[in-house]
C-alpha cells in the first residue's frame, strides 16, 4: 500500500491534539481523516499508546493469606475495601457463606 504524505499542518495539528489527551477517534472526526490515518501520523511521530495515565488509587487492596476467602467487601476502587479472609471451602475461592451467595446468584440467572 502506498504511503500518503499528509501536509505538515495536518501532522502538527494531530500531534498537538494527541499530546493534549484527545483520543485518536476524536481527532479523526475533528480533522476529517480515518482513525487509522491518525494512528499512523501519531506512530510516525513517536507517540505510542495512550497519552493519558489513569489515576491510580492511593491505597492497595491486600490479598488474603493462602486459603483465605477472596470475596471483596466494598467497592475495590474505593479505600476501605477488603477481602473477607475467612477459611475457604475446599476447592473454592470463597468461604462457605460467600460461596453460597455466588452459587445462589448463579442459579437465579439460569432460571
N, C-alpha and C. Protein backbone atom coordinates (compact mmCIF):
# COMPACT_ATOMS: atom_id res chain seq x y z
N UNK A 1 0.84 -1.17 0.00
CA UNK A 1 0.00 0.00 0.00
C UNK A 1 0.89 1.24 0.00
N UNK A 2 0.55 2.20 -0.80
CA UNK A 2 1.35 3.43 -0.91
C UNK A 2 1.10 4.33 0.28
N UNK A 3 2.17 4.92 0.76
CA UNK A 3 2.06 5.84 1.89
C UNK A 3 1.59 7.19 1.39
N UNK A 4 0.65 7.76 2.11
CA UNK A 4 0.13 9.08 1.77
C UNK A 4 0.88 10.10 2.62
N UNK A 5 1.45 11.10 1.96
CA UNK A 5 2.12 12.16 2.71
C UNK A 5 1.09 13.20 3.11
N UNK A 6 0.90 13.33 4.39
CA UNK A 6 -0.04 14.31 4.91
C UNK A 6 0.66 15.65 5.02
N UNK A 7 -0.09 16.74 4.80
CA UNK A 7 0.52 18.07 4.91
C UNK A 7 1.08 18.31 6.31
N UNK A 8 2.16 19.06 6.41
CA UNK A 8 2.77 19.33 7.72
C UNK A 8 1.81 19.98 8.71
N UNK A 9 0.89 20.82 8.20
CA UNK A 9 -0.07 21.47 9.10
C UNK A 9 -0.99 20.43 9.75
N UNK A 10 -1.40 19.42 8.96
CA UNK A 10 -2.26 18.37 9.49
C UNK A 10 -1.50 17.54 10.53
N UNK A 11 -0.27 17.19 10.20
CA UNK A 11 0.54 16.40 11.15
C UNK A 11 0.72 17.16 12.46
N UNK A 12 1.02 18.45 12.37
CA UNK A 12 1.23 19.25 13.59
C UNK A 12 -0.05 19.33 14.41
N UNK A 13 -1.19 19.49 13.74
CA UNK A 13 -2.46 19.58 14.45
C UNK A 13 -2.80 18.26 15.14
N UNK A 14 -2.61 17.14 14.43
CA UNK A 14 -2.89 15.82 15.00
C UNK A 14 -2.00 15.57 16.21
N UNK A 15 -0.73 15.88 16.09
CA UNK A 15 0.22 15.66 17.19
C UNK A 15 -0.17 16.52 18.39
N UNK A 16 -0.51 17.78 18.16
CA UNK A 16 -0.89 18.67 19.27
C UNK A 16 -2.15 18.16 19.97
N UNK A 17 -3.13 17.72 19.20
CA UNK A 17 -4.36 17.22 19.80
C UNK A 17 -4.11 15.94 20.59
N UNK A 18 -3.27 15.07 20.06
CA UNK A 18 -2.97 13.81 20.75
C UNK A 18 -2.21 14.06 22.04
N UNK A 19 -1.24 14.96 21.99
CA UNK A 19 -0.48 15.30 23.19
C UNK A 19 -1.36 16.00 24.22
N UNK A 20 -2.44 16.61 23.74
CA UNK A 20 -3.40 17.25 24.64
C UNK A 20 -4.35 16.27 25.29
N UNK A 21 -4.22 14.99 24.93
CA UNK A 21 -5.03 13.96 25.57
C UNK A 21 -6.24 13.50 24.79
N UNK A 22 -6.47 14.02 23.60
CA UNK A 22 -7.62 13.62 22.81
C UNK A 22 -7.40 12.23 22.23
N UNK A 23 -8.46 11.45 22.12
CA UNK A 23 -8.35 10.10 21.56
C UNK A 23 -8.16 10.18 20.05
N UNK A 24 -7.61 9.13 19.49
CA UNK A 24 -7.39 9.11 18.04
C UNK A 24 -8.73 9.15 17.30
N UNK A 25 -9.75 8.55 17.86
CA UNK A 25 -11.07 8.57 17.22
C UNK A 25 -11.63 9.99 17.16
N UNK A 26 -11.50 10.73 18.26
CA UNK A 26 -11.99 12.11 18.30
C UNK A 26 -11.18 13.00 17.36
N UNK A 27 -9.88 12.78 17.31
CA UNK A 27 -9.04 13.56 16.40
C UNK A 27 -9.45 13.30 14.96
N UNK A 28 -9.68 12.04 14.63
CA UNK A 28 -10.07 11.69 13.26
C UNK A 28 -11.34 12.41 12.84
N UNK A 29 -12.31 12.46 13.74
CA UNK A 29 -13.55 13.17 13.42
C UNK A 29 -13.30 14.66 13.24
N UNK A 30 -12.43 15.22 14.07
CA UNK A 30 -12.17 16.65 14.01
C UNK A 30 -11.43 17.05 12.73
N UNK A 31 -10.45 16.24 12.30
CA UNK A 31 -9.64 16.63 11.14
C UNK A 31 -10.14 16.01 9.83
N UNK A 32 -11.17 15.16 9.90
CA UNK A 32 -11.74 14.59 8.68
C UNK A 32 -10.91 13.49 8.05
N UNK A 33 -10.17 12.76 8.87
CA UNK A 33 -9.37 11.63 8.39
C UNK A 33 -9.87 10.37 9.08
N UNK A 34 -9.42 9.21 8.60
CA UNK A 34 -9.78 7.97 9.25
C UNK A 34 -8.98 7.82 10.55
N UNK A 35 -9.49 7.02 11.46
CA UNK A 35 -8.78 6.76 12.71
C UNK A 35 -7.42 6.14 12.42
N UNK A 36 -7.38 5.23 11.43
CA UNK A 36 -6.11 4.59 11.07
C UNK A 36 -5.09 5.61 10.57
N UNK A 37 -5.55 6.60 9.82
CA UNK A 37 -4.63 7.64 9.34
C UNK A 37 -4.05 8.43 10.52
N UNK A 38 -4.91 8.73 11.49
CA UNK A 38 -4.45 9.47 12.67
C UNK A 38 -3.47 8.62 13.48
N UNK A 39 -3.77 7.34 13.64
CA UNK A 39 -2.86 6.45 14.35
C UNK A 39 -1.51 6.41 13.64
N UNK A 40 -1.52 6.35 12.32
CA UNK A 40 -0.27 6.34 11.55
C UNK A 40 0.54 7.60 11.74
N UNK A 41 -0.12 8.74 11.75
CA UNK A 41 0.59 10.01 11.97
C UNK A 41 1.21 10.00 13.36
N UNK A 42 0.44 9.58 14.36
CA UNK A 42 0.95 9.54 15.74
C UNK A 42 2.11 8.55 15.86
N UNK A 43 1.98 7.42 15.23
CA UNK A 43 3.03 6.38 15.30
C UNK A 43 4.34 6.90 14.72
N UNK A 44 4.25 7.50 13.52
CA UNK A 44 5.46 8.02 12.89
C UNK A 44 6.07 9.18 13.67
N UNK A 45 5.25 9.87 14.48
CA UNK A 45 5.75 10.97 15.30
C UNK A 45 6.32 10.47 16.63
N UNK A 46 6.23 9.16 16.86
CA UNK A 46 6.78 8.60 18.09
C UNK A 46 5.82 8.60 19.27
N UNK A 47 4.55 8.90 19.02
CA UNK A 47 3.55 8.87 20.09
C UNK A 47 2.97 7.47 20.16
N UNK A 48 3.39 6.71 21.14
CA UNK A 48 2.96 5.33 21.28
C UNK A 48 2.00 5.19 22.45
N UNK A 49 0.93 4.49 22.23
CA UNK A 49 0.00 4.19 23.31
C UNK A 49 -0.74 5.42 23.82
N UNK A 50 -1.55 5.20 24.85
CA UNK A 50 -2.34 6.32 25.39
C UNK A 50 -1.44 7.39 25.98
N UNK A 51 -1.84 8.62 25.81
CA UNK A 51 -1.07 9.73 26.34
C UNK A 51 -1.53 10.12 27.73
N UNK A 52 -2.69 9.59 28.15
CA UNK A 52 -3.20 9.89 29.48
C UNK A 52 -3.02 8.68 30.37
N UNK A 53 -2.63 8.91 31.58
CA UNK A 53 -2.50 7.84 32.56
C UNK A 53 -3.73 7.86 33.44
N UNK A 54 -4.31 6.68 33.65
CA UNK A 54 -5.45 6.59 34.55
C UNK A 54 -4.97 6.87 35.97
N UNK A 55 -5.78 7.58 36.73
CA UNK A 55 -5.35 7.85 38.11
C UNK A 55 -5.26 6.55 38.89
N UNK A 56 -4.21 6.41 39.67
CA UNK A 56 -4.01 5.22 40.48
C UNK A 56 -4.56 5.48 41.87
N UNK A 57 -5.21 4.47 42.44
CA UNK A 57 -5.71 4.68 43.79
C UNK A 57 -4.56 4.89 44.77
N UNK A 58 -4.83 5.62 45.81
CA UNK A 58 -3.81 5.92 46.81
C UNK A 58 -3.70 4.80 47.84
N UNK A 59 -4.34 3.69 47.61
CA UNK A 59 -4.32 2.58 48.54
C UNK A 59 -4.09 1.29 47.76
N UNK A 60 -3.78 0.24 48.47
CA UNK A 60 -3.61 -1.07 47.85
C UNK A 60 -4.52 -2.05 48.55
N UNK A 61 -5.21 -2.84 47.78
CA UNK A 61 -6.07 -3.89 48.32
C UNK A 61 -5.19 -5.09 48.59
N UNK A 62 -5.03 -5.43 49.85
CA UNK A 62 -4.15 -6.54 50.23
C UNK A 62 -4.86 -7.87 50.04
N UNK A 63 -4.22 -8.80 49.32
CA UNK A 63 -4.79 -10.11 49.10
C UNK A 63 -4.79 -10.91 50.41
N UNK A 64 -5.78 -11.79 50.56
CA UNK A 64 -5.81 -12.60 51.78
C UNK A 64 -4.67 -13.61 51.79
N UNK A 65 -4.37 -14.11 52.97
CA UNK A 65 -3.36 -15.16 53.09
C UNK A 65 -3.84 -16.39 52.32
N UNK A 66 -2.91 -17.28 51.99
CA UNK A 66 -3.28 -18.51 51.28
C UNK A 66 -4.39 -19.20 52.05
N UNK A 67 -5.42 -19.61 51.32
CA UNK A 67 -6.55 -20.29 51.95
C UNK A 67 -7.58 -19.34 52.51
N UNK A 68 -7.42 -18.03 52.25
CA UNK A 68 -8.39 -17.04 52.72
C UNK A 68 -9.40 -16.70 51.65
N UNK A 69 -10.64 -16.44 52.08
CA UNK A 69 -11.74 -16.12 51.16
C UNK A 69 -11.39 -14.89 50.33
N UNK A 70 -11.67 -14.96 49.03
CA UNK A 70 -11.33 -13.87 48.12
C UNK A 70 -12.52 -12.96 47.81
N UNK A 71 -13.58 -13.07 48.59
CA UNK A 71 -14.73 -12.19 48.43
C UNK A 71 -14.31 -10.78 48.83
N UNK A 72 -14.63 -9.78 48.02
CA UNK A 72 -14.25 -8.40 48.33
C UNK A 72 -15.45 -7.71 48.97
N UNK A 73 -15.25 -7.24 50.19
CA UNK A 73 -16.26 -6.45 50.88
C UNK A 73 -16.04 -4.99 50.52
N UNK A 74 -17.04 -4.37 49.90
CA UNK A 74 -16.93 -2.97 49.50
C UNK A 74 -16.52 -2.84 48.04
N UNK A 75 -16.41 -1.61 47.61
CA UNK A 75 -16.02 -1.30 46.23
C UNK A 75 -14.50 -1.35 46.14
N UNK A 76 -13.94 -2.26 45.32
CA UNK A 76 -12.48 -2.38 45.25
C UNK A 76 -11.78 -1.12 44.72
N UNK A 77 -12.53 -0.19 44.14
CA UNK A 77 -11.93 1.05 43.64
C UNK A 77 -11.86 2.11 44.73
N UNK A 78 -12.46 1.83 45.87
CA UNK A 78 -12.52 2.80 46.96
C UNK A 78 -11.69 2.33 48.15
N UNK A 79 -11.15 3.28 48.89
CA UNK A 79 -10.42 2.94 50.11
C UNK A 79 -11.40 2.29 51.09
N UNK A 80 -10.91 1.36 51.85
CA UNK A 80 -11.75 0.68 52.82
C UNK A 80 -12.22 -0.68 52.36
N UNK A 81 -12.07 -0.97 51.07
CA UNK A 81 -12.45 -2.30 50.58
C UNK A 81 -11.45 -3.32 51.11
N UNK A 82 -11.92 -4.52 51.38
CA UNK A 82 -11.02 -5.55 51.89
C UNK A 82 -11.55 -6.91 51.48
N UNK A 83 -10.67 -7.91 51.51
CA UNK A 83 -11.08 -9.29 51.27
C UNK A 83 -11.66 -9.85 52.56
N UNK A 84 -12.58 -10.80 52.43
CA UNK A 84 -13.19 -11.45 53.59
C UNK A 84 -12.10 -12.13 54.43
N UNK A 85 -11.33 -13.04 53.82
CA UNK A 85 -10.21 -13.66 54.50
C UNK A 85 -10.54 -14.88 55.36
N UNK A 86 -11.82 -15.22 55.53
CA UNK A 86 -12.16 -16.41 56.31
C UNK A 86 -11.66 -17.65 55.57
N UNK A 87 -11.51 -18.78 56.26
CA UNK A 87 -11.05 -20.00 55.59
C UNK A 87 -12.00 -20.41 54.46
N UNK A 88 -11.43 -20.86 53.33
CA UNK A 88 -12.25 -21.22 52.16
C UNK A 88 -12.73 -22.65 52.24
N UNK A 89 -13.79 -22.92 51.47
CA UNK A 89 -14.27 -24.28 51.29
C UNK A 89 -13.27 -24.99 50.38
N UNK A 90 -12.98 -26.24 50.64
CA UNK A 90 -12.00 -26.98 49.83
C UNK A 90 -12.35 -26.89 48.35
N UNK A 91 -11.38 -26.49 47.54
CA UNK A 91 -11.56 -26.40 46.09
C UNK A 91 -12.26 -25.13 45.63
N UNK A 92 -12.52 -24.20 46.53
CA UNK A 92 -13.22 -22.96 46.16
C UNK A 92 -12.34 -21.76 46.52
N UNK A 93 -12.76 -20.59 46.06
CA UNK A 93 -12.04 -19.36 46.37
C UNK A 93 -12.73 -18.57 47.47
N UNK A 94 -13.88 -19.07 47.95
CA UNK A 94 -14.68 -18.34 48.93
C UNK A 94 -14.95 -19.18 50.17
N UNK A 95 -15.28 -18.49 51.26
CA UNK A 95 -15.72 -19.17 52.47
C UNK A 95 -17.13 -19.74 52.21
N UNK A 96 -17.64 -20.52 53.14
CA UNK A 96 -18.95 -21.16 52.95
C UNK A 96 -20.06 -20.14 52.70
N UNK A 97 -20.08 -19.06 53.46
CA UNK A 97 -21.13 -18.05 53.31
C UNK A 97 -21.10 -17.36 51.95
N UNK A 98 -19.93 -16.96 51.52
CA UNK A 98 -19.82 -16.26 50.23
C UNK A 98 -19.99 -17.22 49.06
N UNK A 99 -19.55 -18.46 49.23
CA UNK A 99 -19.75 -19.45 48.17
C UNK A 99 -21.24 -19.68 47.95
N UNK A 100 -22.01 -19.73 49.03
CA UNK A 100 -23.46 -19.91 48.91
C UNK A 100 -24.09 -18.72 48.17
N UNK A 101 -23.61 -17.50 48.44
CA UNK A 101 -24.14 -16.32 47.74
C UNK A 101 -23.82 -16.37 46.25
N UNK A 102 -22.61 -16.78 45.91
CA UNK A 102 -22.22 -16.86 44.49
C UNK A 102 -23.07 -17.89 43.77
N UNK A 103 -23.21 -19.07 44.34
CA UNK A 103 -23.98 -20.13 43.69
C UNK A 103 -25.45 -19.79 43.62
N UNK A 104 -26.01 -19.15 44.64
CA UNK A 104 -27.42 -18.76 44.61
C UNK A 104 -27.65 -17.75 43.48
N UNK A 105 -26.77 -16.78 43.35
CA UNK A 105 -26.91 -15.77 42.27
C UNK A 105 -26.77 -16.43 40.91
N UNK A 106 -25.85 -17.36 40.78
CA UNK A 106 -25.63 -18.03 39.51
C UNK A 106 -26.84 -18.88 39.14
N UNK A 107 -27.39 -19.61 40.11
CA UNK A 107 -28.58 -20.43 39.86
C UNK A 107 -29.78 -19.58 39.48
N UNK A 108 -29.91 -18.40 40.11
CA UNK A 108 -31.02 -17.49 39.77
C UNK A 108 -30.91 -17.03 38.33
N UNK A 109 -29.69 -16.80 37.84
CA UNK A 109 -29.51 -16.35 36.46
C UNK A 109 -29.89 -17.44 35.47
N UNK A 110 -29.74 -18.69 35.86
CA UNK A 110 -30.04 -19.79 34.95
C UNK A 110 -31.54 -20.00 34.79
N UNK A 111 -32.32 -19.53 35.73
CA UNK A 111 -33.78 -19.76 35.68
C UNK A 111 -34.48 -18.75 34.82
